[in-house]
């Protein structure tokens, strides 16, 4: 597994929110299958509940063991809304949060999924610049 200073941004050129949701689920599944313990960080309780529901049903042939942070912070995939409560066993953060992650988590693998709106894209540019200033060389994946 890759660790230190690993920040990856994922951007779909033409995307609707449903495309971003599907991408987030696929990346979460891939991370879990590759042995990462994932903290799925989202920006609202509404988004948290949406991903809770999506991770149950996004693929009929597979199951991603997950839980809300408030229900089970030891699950292989934990969904939460607070970057400061990243579970201690976590090795990757999948972020749909609108701010850069605090420096104490920069040693983890960070996967930043960019939403479809112009506002979300501008926030992602700010996060990208923040990580560069922190000495991290983010990688952009355009899909």
N, C-alpha and C. Protein backbone atom coordinates (compact mmCIF):
# COMPACT_ATOMS: atom_id res chain seq x y z
N UNK A 1 0.83 -1.18 0.00
CA UNK A 1 0.00 0.00 0.00
C UNK A 1 0.88 1.25 0.00
N UNK A 2 0.43 2.23 -0.75
CA UNK A 2 1.12 3.51 -0.79
C UNK A 2 0.72 4.32 0.43
N UNK A 3 1.65 5.08 0.99
CA UNK A 3 1.31 5.86 2.17
C UNK A 3 1.65 7.33 2.00
N UNK A 4 2.74 7.77 2.55
CA UNK A 4 3.05 9.19 2.75
C UNK A 4 2.85 10.05 1.51
N UNK A 5 2.27 11.22 1.76
CA UNK A 5 2.09 12.25 0.75
C UNK A 5 1.42 11.77 -0.52
N UNK A 6 0.40 10.98 -0.37
CA UNK A 6 -0.31 10.45 -1.51
C UNK A 6 -1.71 11.05 -1.58
N UNK A 7 -1.86 12.09 -2.40
CA UNK A 7 -3.15 12.74 -2.58
C UNK A 7 -3.54 12.59 -4.04
N UNK A 8 -4.69 11.99 -4.27
CA UNK A 8 -5.20 11.80 -5.62
C UNK A 8 -6.54 12.49 -5.77
N UNK A 9 -6.67 13.32 -6.80
CA UNK A 9 -7.94 13.97 -7.12
C UNK A 9 -8.57 13.23 -8.29
N UNK A 10 -9.88 13.04 -8.23
CA UNK A 10 -10.62 12.41 -9.32
C UNK A 10 -11.66 13.38 -9.84
N UNK A 11 -11.61 13.63 -11.15
CA UNK A 11 -12.51 14.58 -11.80
C UNK A 11 -13.11 13.92 -13.04
N UNK A 12 -14.43 13.92 -13.09
CA UNK A 12 -15.12 13.47 -14.31
C UNK A 12 -15.43 14.71 -15.13
N UNK A 13 -15.03 14.71 -16.41
CA UNK A 13 -15.22 15.90 -17.24
C UNK A 13 -16.67 16.36 -17.30
N UNK A 14 -17.55 15.48 -17.68
CA UNK A 14 -18.98 15.80 -17.72
C UNK A 14 -19.64 14.87 -16.73
N UNK A 15 -20.16 15.45 -15.67
CA UNK A 15 -20.70 14.59 -14.62
C UNK A 15 -21.94 15.18 -13.99
N UNK A 16 -22.81 14.31 -13.62
CA UNK A 16 -23.96 14.63 -12.78
C UNK A 16 -23.65 14.11 -11.40
N UNK A 17 -24.40 14.53 -10.42
CA UNK A 17 -24.16 14.06 -9.05
C UNK A 17 -24.23 12.54 -8.96
N UNK A 18 -25.14 11.91 -9.72
CA UNK A 18 -25.25 10.44 -9.70
C UNK A 18 -23.96 9.78 -10.21
N UNK A 19 -23.29 10.40 -11.20
CA UNK A 19 -22.02 9.87 -11.70
C UNK A 19 -20.94 9.94 -10.61
N UNK A 20 -20.93 11.04 -9.87
CA UNK A 20 -19.96 11.22 -8.79
C UNK A 20 -20.23 10.20 -7.68
N UNK A 21 -21.50 9.98 -7.37
CA UNK A 21 -21.86 8.98 -6.35
C UNK A 21 -21.36 7.60 -6.77
N UNK A 22 -21.58 7.23 -8.01
CA UNK A 22 -21.14 5.93 -8.51
C UNK A 22 -19.62 5.83 -8.46
N UNK A 23 -18.93 6.87 -8.88
CA UNK A 23 -17.47 6.89 -8.83
C UNK A 23 -16.98 6.73 -7.39
N UNK A 24 -17.58 7.43 -6.46
CA UNK A 24 -17.19 7.33 -5.05
C UNK A 24 -17.36 5.90 -4.54
N UNK A 25 -18.44 5.26 -4.91
CA UNK A 25 -18.68 3.87 -4.48
C UNK A 25 -17.66 2.92 -5.10
N UNK A 26 -17.36 3.09 -6.37
CA UNK A 26 -16.37 2.24 -7.05
C UNK A 26 -15.00 2.40 -6.39
N UNK A 27 -14.59 3.63 -6.13
CA UNK A 27 -13.29 3.88 -5.50
C UNK A 27 -13.26 3.32 -4.08
N UNK A 28 -14.35 3.47 -3.35
CA UNK A 28 -14.42 2.91 -2.00
C UNK A 28 -14.29 1.39 -2.04
N UNK A 29 -14.99 0.76 -2.95
CA UNK A 29 -14.91 -0.69 -3.10
C UNK A 29 -13.49 -1.13 -3.44
N UNK A 30 -12.87 -0.44 -4.37
CA UNK A 30 -11.50 -0.78 -4.78
C UNK A 30 -10.52 -0.62 -3.60
N UNK A 31 -10.66 0.47 -2.86
CA UNK A 31 -9.77 0.70 -1.71
C UNK A 31 -9.94 -0.42 -0.68
N UNK A 32 -11.18 -0.76 -0.38
CA UNK A 32 -11.45 -1.82 0.60
C UNK A 32 -10.89 -3.16 0.11
N UNK A 33 -11.12 -3.49 -1.16
CA UNK A 33 -10.60 -4.76 -1.71
C UNK A 33 -9.07 -4.80 -1.70
N UNK A 34 -8.43 -3.63 -1.77
CA UNK A 34 -6.96 -3.55 -1.72
C UNK A 34 -6.41 -3.48 -0.30
N UNK A 35 -7.27 -3.68 0.68
CA UNK A 35 -6.82 -3.78 2.06
C UNK A 35 -6.78 -2.49 2.85
N UNK A 36 -7.25 -1.40 2.27
CA UNK A 36 -7.29 -0.14 3.01
C UNK A 36 -8.45 -0.15 3.99
N UNK A 37 -8.24 0.47 5.13
CA UNK A 37 -9.30 0.79 6.09
C UNK A 37 -9.68 2.23 5.77
N UNK A 38 -10.91 2.45 5.39
CA UNK A 38 -11.32 3.70 4.77
C UNK A 38 -12.17 4.55 5.70
N UNK A 39 -11.83 5.83 5.75
CA UNK A 39 -12.72 6.83 6.34
C UNK A 39 -13.30 7.61 5.17
N UNK A 40 -14.60 7.48 4.96
CA UNK A 40 -15.30 8.15 3.87
C UNK A 40 -15.85 9.46 4.45
N UNK A 41 -15.14 10.55 4.18
CA UNK A 41 -15.46 11.85 4.76
C UNK A 41 -16.37 12.63 3.82
N UNK A 42 -17.52 13.03 4.33
CA UNK A 42 -18.48 13.79 3.54
C UNK A 42 -18.80 15.11 4.23
N UNK A 43 -19.39 16.04 3.49
CA UNK A 43 -19.58 17.39 4.00
C UNK A 43 -20.90 17.64 4.71
N UNK A 44 -21.79 16.65 4.75
CA UNK A 44 -23.08 16.87 5.41
C UNK A 44 -23.68 15.55 5.87
N UNK A 45 -24.60 15.64 6.82
CA UNK A 45 -25.28 14.43 7.28
C UNK A 45 -26.17 13.87 6.17
N UNK A 46 -26.68 14.73 5.31
CA UNK A 46 -27.49 14.26 4.17
C UNK A 46 -26.63 13.39 3.24
N UNK A 47 -25.44 13.87 2.92
CA UNK A 47 -24.53 13.11 2.08
C UNK A 47 -24.09 11.82 2.77
N UNK A 48 -23.89 11.89 4.06
CA UNK A 48 -23.51 10.71 4.83
C UNK A 48 -24.58 9.62 4.71
N UNK A 49 -25.83 10.01 4.86
CA UNK A 49 -26.93 9.04 4.75
C UNK A 49 -27.05 8.52 3.32
N UNK A 50 -26.85 9.40 2.34
CA UNK A 50 -26.94 8.97 0.94
C UNK A 50 -25.90 7.90 0.63
N UNK A 51 -24.65 8.11 1.10
CA UNK A 51 -23.62 7.10 0.85
C UNK A 51 -23.83 5.85 1.67
N UNK A 52 -24.38 5.99 2.85
CA UNK A 52 -24.76 4.80 3.64
C UNK A 52 -25.70 3.92 2.81
N UNK A 53 -26.70 4.53 2.21
CA UNK A 53 -27.66 3.79 1.39
C UNK A 53 -27.01 3.25 0.11
N UNK A 54 -26.21 4.07 -0.55
CA UNK A 54 -25.58 3.65 -1.80
C UNK A 54 -24.60 2.49 -1.61
N UNK A 55 -23.84 2.51 -0.54
CA UNK A 55 -22.86 1.43 -0.32
C UNK A 55 -23.53 0.09 -0.05
N UNK A 56 -24.78 0.12 0.39
CA UNK A 56 -25.54 -1.13 0.57
C UNK A 56 -25.97 -1.71 -0.78
N UNK A 57 -26.19 -0.85 -1.75
CA UNK A 57 -26.88 -1.32 -2.95
C UNK A 57 -26.19 -1.04 -4.27
N UNK A 58 -25.00 -0.46 -4.28
CA UNK A 58 -24.46 -0.01 -5.56
C UNK A 58 -24.06 -1.16 -6.48
N UNK A 59 -23.75 -2.33 -5.94
CA UNK A 59 -23.49 -3.53 -6.74
C UNK A 59 -24.15 -4.72 -6.08
N UNK A 60 -24.93 -5.44 -6.85
CA UNK A 60 -25.63 -6.60 -6.29
C UNK A 60 -24.68 -7.73 -5.95
N UNK A 61 -23.59 -7.86 -6.71
CA UNK A 61 -22.68 -9.00 -6.52
C UNK A 61 -21.63 -8.78 -5.44
N UNK A 62 -21.59 -7.59 -4.84
CA UNK A 62 -20.58 -7.35 -3.81
C UNK A 62 -21.17 -6.57 -2.65
N UNK A 63 -20.51 -6.68 -1.53
CA UNK A 63 -20.91 -5.97 -0.33
C UNK A 63 -19.70 -5.27 0.25
N UNK A 64 -19.84 -4.02 0.58
CA UNK A 64 -18.76 -3.26 1.21
C UNK A 64 -19.14 -3.11 2.69
N UNK A 65 -18.41 -3.75 3.59
CA UNK A 65 -18.74 -3.61 5.01
C UNK A 65 -18.47 -2.18 5.47
N UNK A 66 -19.51 -1.52 5.93
CA UNK A 66 -19.40 -0.12 6.29
C UNK A 66 -20.38 0.24 7.40
N UNK A 67 -20.14 1.39 7.99
CA UNK A 67 -21.03 1.90 9.03
C UNK A 67 -20.82 3.40 9.17
N UNK A 68 -21.82 4.06 9.72
CA UNK A 68 -21.67 5.44 10.11
C UNK A 68 -20.71 5.49 11.30
N UNK A 69 -19.93 6.54 11.41
CA UNK A 69 -18.99 6.67 12.53
C UNK A 69 -19.71 6.53 13.87
N UNK A 70 -20.89 7.12 13.97
CA UNK A 70 -21.64 7.10 15.23
C UNK A 70 -22.15 5.70 15.58
N UNK A 71 -22.23 4.80 14.60
CA UNK A 71 -22.72 3.44 14.84
C UNK A 71 -21.59 2.45 15.10
N UNK A 72 -20.49 2.56 14.34
CA UNK A 72 -19.37 1.61 14.51
C UNK A 72 -18.11 2.22 13.89
N UNK A 73 -17.28 2.81 14.72
CA UNK A 73 -16.07 3.46 14.21
C UNK A 73 -14.96 2.48 13.88
N UNK A 74 -15.21 1.16 14.03
CA UNK A 74 -14.19 0.16 13.73
C UNK A 74 -14.47 -0.60 12.44
N UNK A 75 -15.54 -0.27 11.74
CA UNK A 75 -15.88 -0.95 10.48
C UNK A 75 -14.77 -0.72 9.46
N UNK A 76 -14.62 -1.63 8.49
CA UNK A 76 -13.60 -1.43 7.44
C UNK A 76 -13.77 -0.14 6.65
N UNK A 77 -15.03 0.29 6.45
CA UNK A 77 -15.33 1.57 5.82
C UNK A 77 -16.23 2.33 6.79
N UNK A 78 -15.76 3.49 7.22
CA UNK A 78 -16.51 4.32 8.17
C UNK A 78 -16.89 5.61 7.46
N UNK A 79 -18.17 5.98 7.54
CA UNK A 79 -18.65 7.21 6.93
C UNK A 79 -18.83 8.26 8.02
N UNK A 80 -18.28 9.45 7.80
CA UNK A 80 -18.41 10.51 8.79
C UNK A 80 -18.35 11.89 8.19
N UNK A 81 -18.65 12.87 9.02
CA UNK A 81 -18.70 14.26 8.56
C UNK A 81 -17.67 15.16 9.24
N UNK A 82 -16.83 14.60 10.08
CA UNK A 82 -15.86 15.40 10.83
C UNK A 82 -14.45 14.90 10.55
N UNK A 83 -13.61 15.71 9.94
CA UNK A 83 -12.26 15.25 9.62
C UNK A 83 -11.40 15.00 10.86
N UNK A 84 -11.77 15.58 11.98
CA UNK A 84 -10.95 15.43 13.17
C UNK A 84 -11.21 14.13 13.93
N UNK A 85 -12.19 13.34 13.49
CA UNK A 85 -12.46 12.07 14.18
C UNK A 85 -12.14 10.87 13.30
N UNK A 86 -11.20 11.04 12.42
CA UNK A 86 -10.77 9.93 11.57
C UNK A 86 -10.40 8.73 12.45
N UNK A 87 -11.01 7.56 12.22
CA UNK A 87 -10.72 6.40 13.06
C UNK A 87 -9.23 6.07 13.07
N UNK A 88 -8.70 5.67 14.22
CA UNK A 88 -7.26 5.41 14.33
C UNK A 88 -6.76 4.28 13.42
N UNK A 89 -7.63 3.34 13.06
CA UNK A 89 -7.20 2.22 12.20
C UNK A 89 -7.21 2.59 10.72
N UNK A 90 -7.64 3.78 10.40
CA UNK A 90 -7.81 4.22 9.02
C UNK A 90 -6.46 4.32 8.28
N UNK A 91 -6.45 3.86 7.02
CA UNK A 91 -5.24 3.99 6.19
C UNK A 91 -5.49 4.81 4.93
N UNK A 92 -6.77 5.15 4.68
CA UNK A 92 -7.11 5.97 3.52
C UNK A 92 -8.34 6.81 3.85
N UNK A 93 -8.37 8.01 3.30
CA UNK A 93 -9.53 8.87 3.43
C UNK A 93 -10.06 9.15 2.04
N UNK A 94 -11.32 8.82 1.82
CA UNK A 94 -12.00 9.19 0.59
C UNK A 94 -12.83 10.41 0.94
N UNK A 95 -12.55 11.51 0.26
CA UNK A 95 -13.12 12.78 0.67
C UNK A 95 -14.10 13.34 -0.33
N UNK A 96 -15.30 13.63 0.16
CA UNK A 96 -16.27 14.48 -0.55
C UNK A 96 -16.51 15.70 0.31
N UNK A 97 -15.46 16.08 1.05
CA UNK A 97 -15.51 17.23 1.93
C UNK A 97 -15.01 18.43 1.16
N UNK A 98 -15.43 19.62 1.53
CA UNK A 98 -15.13 20.79 0.71
C UNK A 98 -13.89 21.58 1.16
N UNK A 99 -13.12 21.04 2.10
CA UNK A 99 -11.92 21.73 2.57
C UNK A 99 -10.74 20.75 2.55
N UNK A 100 -9.52 21.27 2.59
CA UNK A 100 -8.35 20.38 2.68
C UNK A 100 -8.36 19.65 4.03
N UNK A 101 -7.78 18.49 4.04
CA UNK A 101 -7.69 17.73 5.28
C UNK A 101 -6.58 18.30 6.16
N UNK A 102 -6.79 18.26 7.47
CA UNK A 102 -5.77 18.76 8.40
C UNK A 102 -4.44 18.02 8.23
N UNK A 103 -3.36 18.70 8.55
CA UNK A 103 -2.01 18.17 8.36
C UNK A 103 -1.78 16.84 9.07
N UNK A 104 -2.43 16.60 10.19
CA UNK A 104 -2.20 15.34 10.91
C UNK A 104 -2.67 14.10 10.14
N UNK A 105 -3.37 14.29 9.03
CA UNK A 105 -3.82 13.16 8.22
C UNK A 105 -3.09 13.05 6.88
N UNK A 106 -2.10 13.89 6.65
CA UNK A 106 -1.41 13.89 5.37
C UNK A 106 -0.55 12.64 5.16
N UNK A 107 -0.33 11.86 6.19
CA UNK A 107 0.43 10.61 6.04
C UNK A 107 -0.45 9.50 5.47
N UNK A 108 -1.77 9.70 5.45
CA UNK A 108 -2.69 8.70 4.91
C UNK A 108 -2.85 8.87 3.40
N UNK A 109 -3.36 7.85 2.77
CA UNK A 109 -3.73 8.00 1.36
C UNK A 109 -5.01 8.83 1.32
N UNK A 110 -5.00 9.90 0.56
CA UNK A 110 -6.15 10.79 0.45
C UNK A 110 -6.68 10.73 -0.98
N UNK A 111 -7.95 10.41 -1.10
CA UNK A 111 -8.61 10.33 -2.40
C UNK A 111 -9.70 11.38 -2.39
N UNK A 112 -9.53 12.41 -3.18
CA UNK A 112 -10.43 13.56 -3.19
C UNK A 112 -11.29 13.49 -4.45
N UNK A 113 -12.59 13.31 -4.26
CA UNK A 113 -13.50 13.18 -5.39
C UNK A 113 -14.19 14.52 -5.62
N UNK A 114 -14.01 15.08 -6.80
CA UNK A 114 -14.49 16.41 -7.11
C UNK A 114 -15.92 16.33 -7.63
N UNK A 115 -16.80 17.11 -7.02
CA UNK A 115 -18.20 17.16 -7.44
C UNK A 115 -18.39 17.88 -8.76
N UNK A 116 -19.61 17.82 -9.31
CA UNK A 116 -19.85 18.34 -10.66
C UNK A 116 -20.07 19.85 -10.77
N UNK A 117 -20.38 20.52 -9.68
CA UNK A 117 -20.70 21.95 -9.80
C UNK A 117 -19.43 22.80 -9.90
N UNK A 118 -19.59 24.00 -10.45
CA UNK A 118 -18.45 24.91 -10.56
C UNK A 118 -17.92 25.29 -9.18
N UNK A 119 -18.82 25.44 -8.22
CA UNK A 119 -18.41 25.76 -6.85
C UNK A 119 -17.53 24.65 -6.28
N UNK A 120 -17.92 23.38 -6.49
CA UNK A 120 -17.13 22.25 -6.00
C UNK A 120 -15.78 22.18 -6.71
N UNK A 121 -15.76 22.51 -7.97
CA UNK A 121 -14.50 22.49 -8.72
C UNK A 121 -13.56 23.59 -8.23
N UNK A 122 -14.10 24.75 -7.92
CA UNK A 122 -13.27 25.84 -7.39
C UNK A 122 -12.72 25.46 -6.02
N UNK A 123 -13.54 24.84 -5.18
CA UNK A 123 -13.08 24.39 -3.87
C UNK A 123 -11.97 23.35 -4.03
N UNK A 124 -12.10 22.49 -5.04
CA UNK A 124 -11.07 21.47 -5.30
C UNK A 124 -9.76 22.14 -5.73
N UNK A 125 -9.84 23.20 -6.52
CA UNK A 125 -8.63 23.93 -6.90
C UNK A 125 -7.93 24.49 -5.66
N UNK A 126 -8.73 25.02 -4.73
CA UNK A 126 -8.16 25.53 -3.48
C UNK A 126 -7.49 24.42 -2.69
N UNK A 127 -8.12 23.25 -2.62
CA UNK A 127 -7.52 22.12 -1.90
C UNK A 127 -6.23 21.68 -2.58
N UNK A 128 -6.22 21.63 -3.88
CA UNK A 128 -5.03 21.24 -4.65
C UNK A 128 -3.87 22.18 -4.31
N UNK A 129 -4.15 23.48 -4.36
CA UNK A 129 -3.11 24.48 -4.04
C UNK A 129 -2.64 24.34 -2.59
N UNK A 130 -3.56 24.07 -1.68
CA UNK A 130 -3.21 23.90 -0.27
C UNK A 130 -2.22 22.74 -0.11
N UNK A 131 -2.53 21.60 -0.73
CA UNK A 131 -1.63 20.43 -0.61
C UNK A 131 -0.26 20.73 -1.23
N UNK A 132 -0.24 21.43 -2.37
CA UNK A 132 1.06 21.79 -2.98
C UNK A 132 1.88 22.66 -2.04
N UNK A 133 1.24 23.63 -1.40
CA UNK A 133 1.95 24.49 -0.45
C UNK A 133 2.44 23.69 0.76
N UNK A 134 1.77 22.59 1.08
CA UNK A 134 2.17 21.73 2.20
C UNK A 134 3.28 20.76 1.80
N UNK A 135 3.77 20.86 0.56
CA UNK A 135 4.85 20.00 0.12
C UNK A 135 4.40 18.66 -0.44
N UNK A 136 3.12 18.55 -0.73
CA UNK A 136 2.56 17.32 -1.30
C UNK A 136 2.31 17.57 -2.78
N UNK A 137 2.66 16.62 -3.61
CA UNK A 137 2.42 16.74 -5.05
C UNK A 137 1.18 15.93 -5.41
N UNK A 138 0.00 16.58 -5.44
CA UNK A 138 -1.23 15.85 -5.75
C UNK A 138 -1.21 15.32 -7.19
N UNK A 139 -1.92 14.24 -7.40
CA UNK A 139 -2.06 13.65 -8.73
C UNK A 139 -3.51 13.83 -9.17
N UNK A 140 -3.71 14.34 -10.37
CA UNK A 140 -5.05 14.56 -10.90
C UNK A 140 -5.40 13.44 -11.88
N UNK A 141 -6.54 12.82 -11.67
CA UNK A 141 -7.05 11.78 -12.57
C UNK A 141 -8.30 12.33 -13.23
N UNK A 142 -8.23 12.58 -14.54
CA UNK A 142 -9.40 13.04 -15.28
C UNK A 142 -10.04 11.84 -15.94
N UNK A 143 -11.29 11.65 -15.64
CA UNK A 143 -12.01 10.49 -16.15
C UNK A 143 -13.03 10.89 -17.19
